Amino acid sequence: MQKAVTGSLYWSIQHSRNKGLFGLYAVVALFFALYIWLFPGILSLGGFSKFTQNWFPLALVTMAQALLMLNGGITLAVGPLVSLGAVIAATTMTSYFGVAGGILAVIASGFVVGGLTGAIVAYMRLPAIIVTLAGSFIIGGIALLIMPRPGGFIPDWFSTFLAGHTPSAFLILILILLGWKLFLKTPAGLGIYAAGENPLGAYRSGVEVEKIKVLSFALSGVLAASAGLFVAAQTGSGDPVIGTPFTLNSIAAAVLGGVGFLGGKGTMRGAICGSLLLSVMINVMFFLGFPPVAQYIAQGLIIVCAVALPELIADWRK
């Protein structure tokens, strides 16, 4: 990238990144307080560790989805990428490859698959939703070819490290967020917002929009595949269809976190809070005795309200 985004475009991006976060934090705090009242055990080290382990994969996948939504796209292949990461981890972490080799294989697969998808979207000018829909079938098929049924092997010590009785998942999430914060200080990081909010303006400011889109897809693929690695560590094995529920949940969590579909609107902090809110909502409804069908209905209604309410308030202020 030859030039950085400057001037009014920069300040527009900063404004859109921080808009409406305090209201989101308040809602998350309210639901979390209710969850603590229903289940005080979460305040213990073991309870907190268990909760963060269940939340962590959704947080990663929501980040993967939000990364593309901020850039003006969306992916329907994030769930199959989770499955692909899980089966690759479970088939490569043998005595020959080792844990380090398995981790590198997962990261590389996510980066390559995501990057190829992004290249098709960026340079062939095809809609991301169509390309990723087709990609979801291809990636899911590859996962089934690698492992037709659940199995494989994850070393016990690695599973214990990631999904044991310590909040390792929470600490890793903090490190990822710090890494994202540092990435945003680079031209490429700021370019993701710029290209999503105003592609033409970003191009005129020196942002290589196509390369930024490819990079967004590649990083999104790494996050999704890494979520699959963690899920495999939780279960101790791989499953070629375990990522299926994550696709729609990632979109729901990103929307709850205030990330817009049209690009340039929202923050990664908001997306993480959205995933936390969705996880807490599910747990609260479980402890309140909601049947599974009612939980889905309640989630849908809350998501619709989360999307519609800001628009209604904006119209009312006009």
C-alpha atoms as a PDB file:
ATOM      1  CA  MET A   1       0.000   0.000   0.000  1.00  0.00           C
ATOM      2  CA  GLN A   2       1.596   3.240  -1.142  1.00  0.00           C
ATOM      3  CA  LYS A   3      -0.444   5.830   0.732  1.00  0.00           C
ATOM      4  CA  ALA A   4      -2.241   5.936   4.044  1.00  0.00           C
ATOM      5  CA  VAL A   5      -5.857   6.981   4.421  1.00  0.00           C
ATOM      6  CA  THR A   6      -5.943  10.595   5.584  1.00  0.00           C
ATOM      7  CA  GLY A   7      -8.150  13.609   6.242  1.00  0.00           C
ATOM      8  CA  SER A   8     -11.919  13.464   6.490  1.00  0.00           C
ATOM      9  CA  LEU A   9     -12.031   9.772   5.518  1.00  0.00           C
ATOM     10  CA  TYR A  10      -9.916   8.896   8.558  1.00  0.00           C
ATOM     11  CA  TRP A  11     -12.147  10.792  10.974  1.00  0.00           C
ATOM     12  CA  SER A  12     -15.276   9.330   9.396  1.00  0.00           C
ATOM     13  CA  ILE A  13     -13.895   5.853  10.009  1.00  0.00           C
ATOM     14  CA  GLN A  14     -13.033   6.669  13.623  1.00  0.00           C
ATOM     15  CA  HIS A  15     -16.542   7.985  14.244  1.00  0.00           C
ATOM     16  CA  SER A  16     -18.253   4.935  12.771  1.00  0.00           C
ATOM     17  CA  ARG A  17     -16.008   2.599  14.782  1.00  0.00           C
ATOM     18  CA  ASN A  18     -17.042   4.008  18.161  1.00  0.00           C
ATOM     19  CA  LYS A  19     -20.695   4.820  17.558  1.00  0.00           C
ATOM     20  CA  GLY A  20     -23.183   3.173  19.908  1.00  0.00           C
ATOM     21  CA  LEU A  21     -20.778   1.001  21.923  1.00  0.00           C
ATOM     22  CA  PHE A  22     -21.819   2.258  25.361  1.00  0.00           C
ATOM     23  CA  GLY A  23     -25.386   1.063  24.864  1.00  0.00           C
ATOM     24  CA  LEU A  24     -24.090  -2.342  23.808  1.00  0.00           C
ATOM     25  CA  TYR A  25     -21.832  -2.568  26.860  1.00  0.00           C
ATOM     26  CA  ALA A  26     -24.805  -1.735  29.099  1.00  0.00           C
ATOM     27  CA  VAL A  27     -26.945  -4.495  27.581  1.00  0.00           C
ATOM     28  CA  VAL A  28     -24.116  -7.034  27.893  1.00  0.00           C
ATOM     29  CA  ALA A  29     -23.569  -6.023  31.542  1.00  0.00           C
ATOM     30  CA  LEU A  30     -27.288  -6.386  32.272  1.00  0.00           C
ATOM     31  CA  PHE A  31     -27.514  -9.873  30.782  1.00  0.00           C
ATOM     32  CA  PHE A  32     -24.263 -10.920  32.445  1.00  0.00           C
ATOM     33  CA  ALA A  33     -25.513  -9.729  35.834  1.00  0.00           C
ATOM     34  CA  LEU A  34     -28.678 -11.796  35.314  1.00  0.00           C
ATOM     35  CA  TYR A  35     -26.553 -14.797  34.372  1.00  0.00           C
ATOM     36  CA  ILE A  36     -24.439 -14.421  37.521  1.00  0.00           C
ATOM     37  CA  TRP A  37     -27.630 -14.248  39.615  1.00  0.00           C
ATOM     38  CA  LEU A  38     -28.930 -17.443  38.008  1.00  0.00           C
ATOM     39  CA  PHE A  39     -25.568 -19.220  38.109  1.00  0.00           C
ATOM     40  CA  PRO A  40     -23.217 -17.811  40.793  1.00  0.00           C
ATOM     41  CA  GLY A  41     -20.739 -20.606  40.034  1.00  0.00           C
ATOM     42  CA  ILE A  42     -19.460 -18.635  37.053  1.00  0.00           C
ATOM     43  CA  LEU A  43     -17.558 -16.426  39.507  1.00  0.00           C
ATOM     44  CA  SER A  44     -15.319 -19.358  40.440  1.00  0.00           C
ATOM     45  CA  LEU A  45     -12.175 -20.059  38.430  1.00  0.00           C
ATOM     46  CA  GLY A  46     -13.575 -23.326  37.110  1.00  0.00           C
ATOM     47  CA  GLY A  47     -16.951 -21.804  36.210  1.00  0.00           C
ATOM     48  CA  PHE A  48     -15.376 -18.829  34.466  1.00  0.00           C
ATOM     49  CA  SER A  49     -12.964 -21.101  32.579  1.00  0.00           C
ATOM     50  CA  LYS A  50     -15.789 -23.349  31.407  1.00  0.00           C
ATOM     51  CA  PHE A  51     -17.886 -20.413  30.251  1.00  0.00           C
ATOM     52  CA  THR A  52     -15.032 -18.778  28.322  1.00  0.00           C
ATOM     53  CA  GLN A  53     -14.148 -22.098  26.682  1.00  0.00           C
ATOM     54  CA  ASN A  54     -17.703 -22.441  25.386  1.00  0.00           C
ATOM     55  CA  TRP A  55     -17.740 -18.804  24.284  1.00  0.00           C
ATOM     56  CA  PHE A  56     -14.275 -18.681  22.706  1.00  0.00           C
ATOM     57  CA  PRO A  57     -15.015 -20.512  19.399  1.00  0.00           C
ATOM     58  CA  LEU A  58     -18.054 -18.306  18.764  1.00  0.00           C
ATOM     59  CA  ALA A  59     -15.953 -15.224  19.551  1.00  0.00           C
ATOM     60  CA  LEU A  60     -13.324 -16.249  16.990  1.00  0.00           C
ATOM     61  CA  VAL A  61     -15.902 -17.066  14.322  1.00  0.00           C
ATOM     62  CA  THR A  62     -17.721 -13.788  14.977  1.00  0.00           C
ATOM     63  CA  MET A  63     -14.432 -11.945  14.503  1.00  0.00           C
ATOM     64  CA  ALA A  64     -13.970 -13.839  11.224  1.00  0.00           C
ATOM     65  CA  GLN A  65     -17.444 -12.796  10.072  1.00  0.00           C
ATOM     66  CA  ALA A  66     -17.105  -9.208  11.300  1.00  0.00           C
ATOM     67  CA  LEU A  67     -13.788  -8.816   9.489  1.00  0.00           C
ATOM     68  CA  LEU A  68     -15.568  -9.326   6.176  1.00  0.00           C
ATOM     69  CA  MET A  69     -18.663  -7.331   7.136  1.00  0.00           C
ATOM     70  CA  LEU A  70     -16.450  -4.364   8.014  1.00  0.00           C
ATOM     71  CA  ASN A  71     -14.965  -4.673   4.542  1.00  0.00           C
ATOM     72  CA  GLY A  72     -18.414  -4.708   2.942  1.00  0.00           C
ATOM     73  CA  GLY A  73     -18.729  -8.480   2.492  1.00  0.00           C
ATOM     74  CA  ILE A  74     -20.096 -11.535   4.225  1.00  0.00           C
ATOM     75  CA  THR A  75     -19.213 -15.220   4.347  1.00  0.00           C
ATOM     76  CA  LEU A  76     -21.406 -18.317   4.440  1.00  0.00           C
ATOM     77  CA  ALA A  77     -18.336 -20.561   4.501  1.00  0.00           C
ATOM     78  CA  VAL A  78     -17.216 -19.760   8.035  1.00  0.00           C
ATOM     79  CA  GLY A  79     -18.914 -22.855   9.528  1.00  0.00           C
ATOM     80  CA  PRO A  80     -17.336 -25.319   7.078  1.00  0.00           C
ATOM     81  CA  LEU A  81     -13.967 -23.638   7.714  1.00  0.00           C
ATOM     82  CA  VAL A  82     -14.404 -24.428  11.410  1.00  0.00           C
ATOM     83  CA  SER A  83     -15.028 -28.069  10.473  1.00  0.00           C
ATOM     84  CA  LEU A  84     -12.015 -28.064   8.158  1.00  0.00           C
ATOM     85  CA  GLY A  85      -9.781 -26.683  10.890  1.00  0.00           C
ATOM     86  CA  ALA A  86     -11.034 -29.326  13.312  1.00  0.00           C
ATOM     87  CA  VAL A  87     -10.394 -32.299  11.015  1.00  0.00           C
ATOM     88  CA  ILE A  88      -6.996 -31.000   9.898  1.00  0.00           C
ATOM     89  CA  ALA A  89      -5.961 -30.583  13.535  1.00  0.00           C
ATOM     90  CA  ALA A  90      -7.186 -34.074  14.433  1.00  0.00           C
ATOM     91  CA  THR A  91      -5.388 -35.707  11.502  1.00  0.00           C
ATOM     92  CA  THR A  92      -2.064 -33.864  11.660  1.00  0.00           C
ATOM     93  CA  MET A  93      -1.339 -33.781  15.399  1.00  0.00           C
ATOM     94  CA  THR A  94       0.267 -37.200  15.276  1.00  0.00           C
ATOM     95  CA  SER A  95       3.709 -38.212  16.469  1.00  0.00           C
ATOM     96  CA  TYR A  96       5.010 -37.367  12.978  1.00  0.00           C
ATOM     97  CA  PHE A  97       3.659 -33.835  12.639  1.00  0.00           C
ATOM     98  CA  GLY A  98       3.344 -32.902  16.297  1.00  0.00           C
ATOM     99  CA  VAL A  99       1.229 -30.173  17.831  1.00  0.00           C
ATOM    100  CA  ALA A 100       3.263 -27.379  16.236  1.00  0.00           C
ATOM    101  CA  GLY A 101       2.895 -28.955  12.802  1.00  0.00           C
ATOM    102  CA  GLY A 102      -0.839 -29.383  13.315  1.00  0.00           C
ATOM    103  CA  ILE A 103      -1.282 -25.751  14.356  1.00  0.00           C
ATOM    104  CA  LEU A 104       0.683 -24.545  11.327  1.00  0.00           C
ATOM    105  CA  ALA A 105      -1.384 -26.786   9.043  1.00  0.00           C
ATOM    106  CA  VAL A 106      -4.625 -25.348  10.425  1.00  0.00           C
ATOM    107  CA  ILE A 107      -3.439 -21.744  10.068  1.00  0.00           C
ATOM    108  CA  ALA A 108      -2.100 -22.348   6.565  1.00  0.00           C
ATOM    109  CA  SER A 109      -5.313 -24.028   5.410  1.00  0.00           C
ATOM    110  CA  GLY A 110      -7.449 -21.154   6.701  1.00  0.00           C
ATOM    111  CA  PHE A 111      -5.174 -18.563   5.111  1.00  0.00           C
ATOM    112  CA  VAL A 112      -5.031 -20.295   1.725  1.00  0.00           C
ATOM    113  CA  VAL A 113      -8.736 -21.138   1.494  1.00  0.00           C
ATOM    114  CA  GLY A 114      -9.740 -17.677   2.691  1.00  0.00           C
ATOM    115  CA  GLY A 115      -7.268 -15.971   0.380  1.00  0.00           C
ATOM    116  CA  LEU A 116      -8.436 -17.932  -2.683  1.00  0.00           C
ATOM    117  CA  THR A 117     -12.041 -17.096  -1.883  1.00  0.00           C
ATOM    118  CA  GLY A 118     -11.171 -13.443  -1.485  1.00  0.00           C
ATOM    119  CA  ALA A 119      -9.265 -13.410  -4.783  1.00  0.00           C
ATOM    120  CA  ILE A 120     -12.315 -14.762  -6.615  1.00  0.00           C
ATOM    121  CA  VAL A 121     -14.542 -12.146  -4.996  1.00  0.00           C
ATOM    122  CA  ALA A 122     -12.116  -9.253  -5.508  1.00  0.00           C
ATOM    123  CA  TYR A 123     -10.737  -9.860  -8.982  1.00  0.00           C
ATOM    124  CA  MET A 124     -13.707 -11.587 -10.654  1.00  0.00           C
ATOM    125  CA  ARG A 125     -16.130  -9.025  -9.171  1.00  0.00           C
ATOM    126  CA  LEU A 126     -18.501 -11.727  -7.923  1.00  0.00           C
ATOM    127  CA  PRO A 127     -20.843 -11.269  -4.914  1.00  0.00           C
ATOM    128  CA  ALA A 128     -19.233 -12.549  -1.729  1.00  0.00           C
ATOM    129  CA  ILE A 129     -22.437 -14.217  -0.573  1.00  0.00           C
ATOM    130  CA  ILE A 130     -22.611 -16.325  -3.756  1.00  0.00           C
ATOM    131  CA  VAL A 131     -18.928 -17.242  -3.780  1.00  0.00           C
ATOM    132  CA  THR A 132     -18.916 -18.213  -0.108  1.00  0.00           C
ATOM    133  CA  LEU A 133     -22.154 -20.170  -0.481  1.00  0.00           C
ATOM    134  CA  ALA A 134     -20.531 -22.256  -3.213  1.00  0.00           C
ATOM    135  CA  GLY A 135     -17.347 -22.390  -1.139  1.00  0.00           C
ATOM    136  CA  SER A 136     -19.245 -23.729   1.865  1.00  0.00           C
ATOM    137  CA  PHE A 137     -20.192 -26.847  -0.109  1.00  0.00           C
ATOM    138  CA  ILE A 138     -16.673 -27.311  -1.446  1.00  0.00           C
ATOM    139  CA  ILE A 139     -14.993 -26.802   1.922  1.00  0.00           C
ATOM    140  CA  GLY A 140     -17.529 -29.026   3.660  1.00  0.00           C
ATOM    141  CA  GLY A 141     -16.881 -31.721   1.056  1.00  0.00           C
ATOM    142  CA  ILE A 142     -13.117 -31.482   1.579  1.00  0.00           C
ATOM    143  CA  ALA A 143     -13.621 -31.852   5.339  1.00  0.00           C
ATOM    144  CA  LEU A 144     -15.672 -35.005   4.740  1.00  0.00           C
ATOM    145  CA  LEU A 145     -13.029 -36.364   2.372  1.00  0.00           C
ATOM    146  CA  ILE A 146     -10.346 -35.850   5.012  1.00  0.00           C
ATOM    147  CA  MET A 147     -12.462 -37.402   7.755  1.00  0.00           C
ATOM    148  CA  PRO A 148     -15.746 -39.089   6.733  1.00  0.00           C
ATOM    149  CA  ARG A 149     -16.744 -39.580  10.364  1.00  0.00           C
ATOM    150  CA  PRO A 150     -15.668 -38.136  13.739  1.00  0.00           C
ATOM    151  CA  GLY A 151     -12.278 -39.344  14.861  1.00  0.00           C
ATOM    152  CA  GLY A 152      -8.624 -38.446  14.808  1.00  0.00           C
ATOM    153  CA  PHE A 153      -6.364 -37.528  17.675  1.00  0.00           C
ATOM    154  CA  ILE A 154      -5.614 -34.474  19.800  1.00  0.00           C
ATOM    155  CA  PRO A 155      -2.908 -34.885  22.483  1.00  0.00           C
ATOM    156  CA  ASP A 156      -4.332 -34.883  26.000  1.00  0.00           C
ATOM    157  CA  TRP A 157      -1.909 -32.247  27.266  1.00  0.00           C
ATOM    158  CA  PHE A 158      -2.915 -29.875  24.454  1.00  0.00           C
ATOM    159  CA  SER A 159      -6.608 -30.363  25.168  1.00  0.00           C
ATOM    160  CA  THR A 160      -5.954 -29.767  28.850  1.00  0.00           C
ATOM    161  CA  PHE A 161      -4.001 -26.607  28.103  1.00  0.00           C
ATOM    162  CA  LEU A 162      -6.734 -25.078  25.928  1.00  0.00           C
ATOM    163  CA  ALA A 163      -9.864 -26.569  27.479  1.00  0.00           C
ATOM    164  CA  GLY A 164      -8.846 -27.490  31.012  1.00  0.00           C
ATOM    165  CA  HIS A 165      -9.603 -25.780  34.318  1.00  0.00           C
ATOM    166  CA  THR A 166      -7.669 -22.591  33.586  1.00  0.00           C
ATOM    167  CA  PRO A 167      -8.913 -19.562  31.579  1.00  0.00           C
ATOM    168  CA  SER A 168      -6.420 -20.124  28.748  1.00  0.00           C
ATOM    169  CA  ALA A 169      -9.080 -19.371  26.141  1.00  0.00           C
ATOM    170  CA  PHE A 170      -9.816 -15.984  27.709  1.00  0.00           C
ATOM    171  CA  LEU A 171      -6.126 -15.058  27.783  1.00  0.00           C
ATOM    172  CA  ILE A 172      -5.699 -16.083  24.141  1.00  0.00           C
ATOM    173  CA  LEU A 173      -8.715 -13.964  23.190  1.00  0.00           C
ATOM    174  CA  ILE A 174      -7.165 -10.941  24.909  1.00  0.00           C
ATOM    175  CA  LEU A 175      -3.920 -11.484  22.976  1.00  0.00           C
ATOM    176  CA  ILE A 176      -5.868 -11.709  19.701  1.00  0.00           C
ATOM    177  CA  LEU A 177      -7.693  -8.470  20.480  1.00  0.00           C
ATOM    178  CA  LEU A 178      -4.397  -6.748  21.282  1.00  0.00           C
ATOM    179  CA  GLY A 179      -3.041  -8.017  17.975  1.00  0.00           C
ATOM    180  CA  TRP A 180      -6.092  -6.629  16.179  1.00  0.00           C
ATOM    181  CA  LYS A 181      -5.604  -3.271  17.881  1.00  0.00           C
ATOM    182  CA  LEU A 182      -2.017  -3.149  16.657  1.00  0.00           C
ATOM    183  CA  PHE A 183      -3.109  -4.231  13.179  1.00  0.00           C
ATOM    184  CA  LEU A 184      -5.559  -1.312  13.021  1.00  0.00           C
ATOM    185  CA  LYS A 185      -2.639   1.084  13.373  1.00  0.00           C
ATOM    186  CA  THR A 186      -1.247  -0.149  10.051  1.00  0.00           C
ATOM    187  CA  PRO A 187      -2.380   1.130   6.641  1.00  0.00           C
ATOM    188  CA  ALA A 188      -3.822  -2.304   5.866  1.00  0.00           C
ATOM    189  CA  GLY A 189      -5.904  -2.312   9.046  1.00  0.00           C
ATOM    190  CA  LEU A 190      -7.339   1.129   8.439  1.00  0.00           C
ATOM    191  CA  GLY A 191      -7.805   0.218   4.793  1.00  0.00           C
ATOM    192  CA  ILE A 192     -10.284  -2.521   5.759  1.00  0.00           C
ATOM    193  CA  TYR A 193     -12.616   0.100   7.216  1.00  0.00           C
ATOM    194  CA  ALA A 194     -11.974   2.570   4.409  1.00  0.00           C
ATOM    195  CA  ALA A 195     -12.629   0.047   1.641  1.00  0.00           C
ATOM    196  CA  GLY A 196     -15.794  -1.110   3.377  1.00  0.00           C
ATOM    197  CA  GLU A 197     -17.224   2.351   4.019  1.00  0.00           C
ATOM    198  CA  ASN A 198     -16.309   4.037   0.747  1.00  0.00           C
ATOM    199  CA  PRO A 199     -14.437   1.875  -1.798  1.00  0.00           C
ATOM    200  CA  LEU A 200     -14.090   4.664  -4.350  1.00  0.00           C
ATOM    201  CA  GLY A 201     -12.888   7.169  -1.763  1.00  0.00           C
ATOM    202  CA  ALA A 202     -10.473   4.599  -0.353  1.00  0.00           C
ATOM    203  CA  TYR A 203      -9.099   3.883  -3.825  1.00  0.00           C
ATOM    204  CA  ARG A 204      -8.567   7.586  -4.440  1.00  0.00           C
ATOM    205  CA  SER A 205      -6.776   7.813  -1.095  1.00  0.00           C
ATOM    206  CA  GLY A 206      -4.306   5.151  -2.144  1.00  0.00           C
ATOM    207  CA  VAL A 207      -5.911   2.008  -0.690  1.00  0.00           C
ATOM    208  CA  GLU A 208      -5.447  -1.075  -2.873  1.00  0.00           C
ATOM    209  CA  VAL A 209      -9.036  -2.214  -2.447  1.00  0.00           C
ATOM    210  CA  GLU A 210      -8.690  -5.628  -4.122  1.00  0.00           C
ATOM    211  CA  LYS A 211      -5.621  -6.604  -2.092  1.00  0.00           C
ATOM    212  CA  ILE A 212      -7.323  -5.450   1.106  1.00  0.00           C
ATOM    213  CA  LYS A 213     -10.321  -7.644   0.304  1.00  0.00           C
ATOM    214  CA  VAL A 214      -8.104 -10.677  -0.294  1.00  0.00           C
ATOM    215  CA  LEU A 215      -6.283  -9.998   2.977  1.00  0.00           C
ATOM    216  CA  SER A 216      -9.597  -9.703   4.834  1.00  0.00           C
ATOM    217  CA  PHE A 217     -10.754 -13.081   3.552  1.00  0.00           C
ATOM    218  CA  ALA A 218      -7.397 -14.689   4.339  1.00  0.00           C
ATOM    219  CA  LEU A 219      -7.373 -13.412   7.941  1.00  0.00           C
ATOM    220  CA  SER A 220     -11.022 -14.391   8.319  1.00  0.00           C
ATOM    221  CA  GLY A 221     -10.134 -17.907   7.182  1.00  0.00           C
ATOM    222  CA  VAL A 222      -7.340 -18.122   9.756  1.00  0.00           C
ATOM    223  CA  LEU A 223      -9.700 -17.113  12.573  1.00  0.00           C
ATOM    224  CA  ALA A 224     -12.400 -19.585  11.513  1.00  0.00           C
ATOM    225  CA  ALA A 225      -9.967 -22.478  11.089  1.00  0.00           C
ATOM    226  CA  SER A 226      -8.397 -21.632  14.468  1.00  0.00           C
ATOM    227  CA  ALA A 227     -11.852 -21.875  16.037  1.00  0.00           C
ATOM    228  CA  GLY A 228     -12.018 -25.389  14.595  1.00  0.00           C
ATOM    229  CA  LEU A 229      -8.662 -26.181  16.182  1.00  0.00           C
ATOM    230  CA  PHE A 230     -10.011 -25.116  19.568  1.00  0.00           C
ATOM    231  CA  VAL A 231     -13.228 -27.118  19.131  1.00  0.00           C
ATOM    232  CA  ALA A 232     -11.132 -30.183  18.294  1.00  0.00           C
ATOM    233  CA  ALA A 233      -9.107 -29.603  21.462  1.00  0.00           C
ATOM    234  CA  GLN A 234     -12.341 -29.409  23.467  1.00  0.00           C
ATOM    235  CA  THR A 235     -13.659 -32.708  22.142  1.00  0.00           C
ATOM    236  CA  GLY A 236     -10.318 -34.462  21.759  1.00  0.00           C
ATOM    237  CA  SER A 237     -11.083 -35.363  18.146  1.00  0.00           C
ATOM    238  CA  GLY A 238     -12.218 -33.950  14.817  1.00  0.00           C
ATOM    239  CA  ASP A 239     -15.732 -33.779  13.370  1.00  0.00           C
ATOM    240  CA  PRO A 240     -16.368 -32.901   9.689  1.00  0.00           C
ATOM    241  CA  VAL A 241     -19.717 -31.196  10.383  1.00  0.00           C
ATOM    242  CA  ILE A 242     -19.159 -29.659  13.806  1.00  0.00           C
ATOM    243  CA  GLY A 243     -18.904 -26.128  12.417  1.00  0.00           C
ATOM    244  CA  THR A 244     -22.351 -26.020  10.802  1.00  0.00           C
ATOM    245  CA  PRO A 245     -24.146 -23.958  13.518  1.00  0.00           C
ATOM    246  CA  PHE A 246     -21.417 -21.311  13.556  1.00  0.00           C
ATOM    247  CA  THR A 247     -22.339 -19.714  10.227  1.00  0.00           C
ATOM    248  CA  LEU A 248     -25.658 -18.180  11.235  1.00  0.00           C
ATOM    249  CA  ASN A 249     -24.574 -17.658  14.850  1.00  0.00           C
ATOM    250  CA  SER A 250     -21.580 -15.617  13.682  1.00  0.00           C
ATOM    251  CA  ILE A 251     -23.826 -13.348  11.617  1.00  0.00           C
ATOM    252  CA  ALA A 252     -26.263 -12.988  14.524  1.00  0.00           C
ATOM    253  CA  ALA A 253     -23.492 -12.160  16.991  1.00  0.00           C
ATOM    254  CA  ALA A 254     -21.887  -9.621  14.648  1.00  0.00           C
ATOM    255  CA  VAL A 255     -25.251  -7.913  14.099  1.00  0.00           C
ATOM    256  CA  LEU A 256     -25.901  -7.857  17.848  1.00  0.00           C
ATOM    257  CA  GLY A 257     -22.484  -6.229  18.197  1.00  0.00           C
ATOM    258  CA  GLY A 258     -23.448  -3.395  15.882  1.00  0.00           C
ATOM    259  CA  VAL A 259     -21.484  -4.465  12.809  1.00  0.00           C
ATOM    260  CA  GLY A 260     -23.269  -3.308   9.653  1.00  0.00           C
ATOM    261  CA  PHE A 261     -23.792  -5.326   6.487  1.00  0.00           C
ATOM    262  CA  LEU A 262     -22.792  -2.484   4.168  1.00  0.00           C
ATOM    263  CA  GLY A 263     -19.211  -2.122   5.394  1.00  0.00           C
ATOM    264  CA  GLY A 264     -17.236   0.362   7.463  1.00  0.00           C
ATOM    265  CA  LYS A 265     -19.672   0.328  10.390  1.00  0.00           C
ATOM    266  CA  GLY A 266     -18.882  -1.320  13.702  1.00  0.00           C
ATOM    267  CA  THR A 267     -15.872  -2.476  15.678  1.00  0.00           C
ATOM    268  CA  MET A 268     -14.216  -5.735  16.543  1.00  0.00           C
ATOM    269  CA  ARG A 269     -14.860  -4.903  20.203  1.00  0.00           C
ATOM    270  CA  GLY A 270     -18.537  -4.668  19.366  1.00  0.00           C
ATOM    271  CA  ALA A 271     -18.430  -7.995  17.528  1.00  0.00           C
ATOM    272  CA  ILE A 272     -16.801  -9.678  20.530  1.00  0.00           C
ATOM    273  CA  CYS A 273     -19.441  -8.169  22.818  1.00  0.00           C
ATOM    274  CA  GLY A 274     -22.117  -9.403  20.422  1.00  0.00           C
ATOM    275  CA  SER A 275     -20.775 -12.946  20.634  1.00  0.00           C
ATOM    276  CA  LEU A 276     -20.627 -12.632  24.427  1.00  0.00           C
ATOM    277  CA  LEU A 277     -24.206 -11.341  24.514  1.00  0.00           C
ATOM    278  CA  LEU A 278     -25.426 -14.229  22.348  1.00  0.00           C
ATOM    279  CA  SER A 279     -23.623 -16.800  24.529  1.00  0.00           C
ATOM    280  CA  VAL A 280     -24.995 -15.277  27.739  1.00  0.00           C
ATOM    281  CA  MET A 281     -28.502 -15.043  26.259  1.00  0.00           C
ATOM    282  CA  ILE A 282     -28.464 -18.746  25.427  1.00  0.00           C
ATOM    283  CA  ASN A 283     -27.291 -19.645  28.940  1.00  0.00           C
ATOM    284  CA  VAL A 284     -29.830 -17.348  30.611  1.00  0.00           C
ATOM    285  CA  MET A 285     -32.702 -18.820  28.604  1.00  0.00           C
ATOM    286  CA  PHE A 286     -31.491 -22.305  29.515  1.00  0.00           C
ATOM    287  CA  PHE A 287     -31.432 -21.520  33.239  1.00  0.00           C
ATOM    288  CA  LEU A 288     -34.860 -19.866  32.990  1.00  0.00           C
ATOM    289  CA  GLY A 289     -36.229 -23.109  31.586  1.00  0.00           C
ATOM    290  CA  PHE A 290     -36.951 -21.956  28.028  1.00  0.00           C
ATOM    291  CA  PRO A 291     -37.550 -24.931  25.709  1.00  0.00           C
ATOM    292  CA  PRO A 292     -35.165 -25.083  22.716  1.00  0.00           C
ATOM    293  CA  VAL A 293     -37.826 -23.865  20.261  1.00  0.00           C
ATOM    294  CA  ALA A 294     -38.588 -20.837  22.434  1.00  0.00           C
ATOM    295  CA  GLN A 295     -34.865 -20.090  22.670  1.00  0.00           C
ATOM    296  CA  TYR A 296     -34.585 -19.853  18.887  1.00  0.00           C
ATOM    297  CA  ILE A 297     -37.668 -17.612  18.685  1.00  0.00           C
ATOM    298  CA  ALA A 298     -36.370 -15.360  21.465  1.00  0.00           C
ATOM    299  CA  GLN A 299     -32.947 -15.100  19.811  1.00  0.00           C
ATOM    300  CA  GLY A 300     -34.564 -14.134  16.508  1.00  0.00           C
ATOM    301  CA  LEU A 301     -36.756 -11.471  18.088  1.00  0.00           C
ATOM    302  CA  ILE A 302     -33.858  -9.972  20.028  1.00  0.00           C
ATOM    303  CA  ILE A 303     -31.691  -9.830  16.905  1.00  0.00           C
ATOM    304  CA  VAL A 304     -34.466  -8.135  14.895  1.00  0.00           C
ATOM    305  CA  CYS A 305     -34.898  -5.587  17.682  1.00  0.00           C
ATOM    306  CA  ALA A 306     -31.149  -5.016  17.840  1.00  0.00           C
ATOM    307  CA  VAL A 307     -31.088  -4.197  14.120  1.00  0.00           C
ATOM    308  CA  ALA A 308     -34.343  -2.223  13.963  1.00  0.00           C
ATOM    309  CA  LEU A 309     -34.060  -0.149  17.149  1.00  0.00           C
ATOM    310  CA  PRO A 310     -31.064   2.007  16.096  1.00  0.00           C
ATOM    311  CA  GLU A 311     -32.768   2.753  12.782  1.00  0.00           C
ATOM    312  CA  LEU A 312     -36.008   3.725  14.515  1.00  0.00           C
ATOM    313  CA  ILE A 313     -34.127   5.994  16.928  1.00  0.00           C
ATOM    314  CA  ALA A 314     -32.250   7.609  14.030  1.00  0.00           C
ATOM    315  CA  ASP A 315     -35.513   8.245  12.155  1.00  0.00           C
ATOM    316  CA  TRP A 316     -37.134   9.665  15.300  1.00  0.00           C
ATOM    317  CA  ARG A 317     -34.227  12.089  15.818  1.00  0.00           C
ATOM    318  CA  LYS A 318     -34.672  13.376  12.272  1.00  0.00           C
END
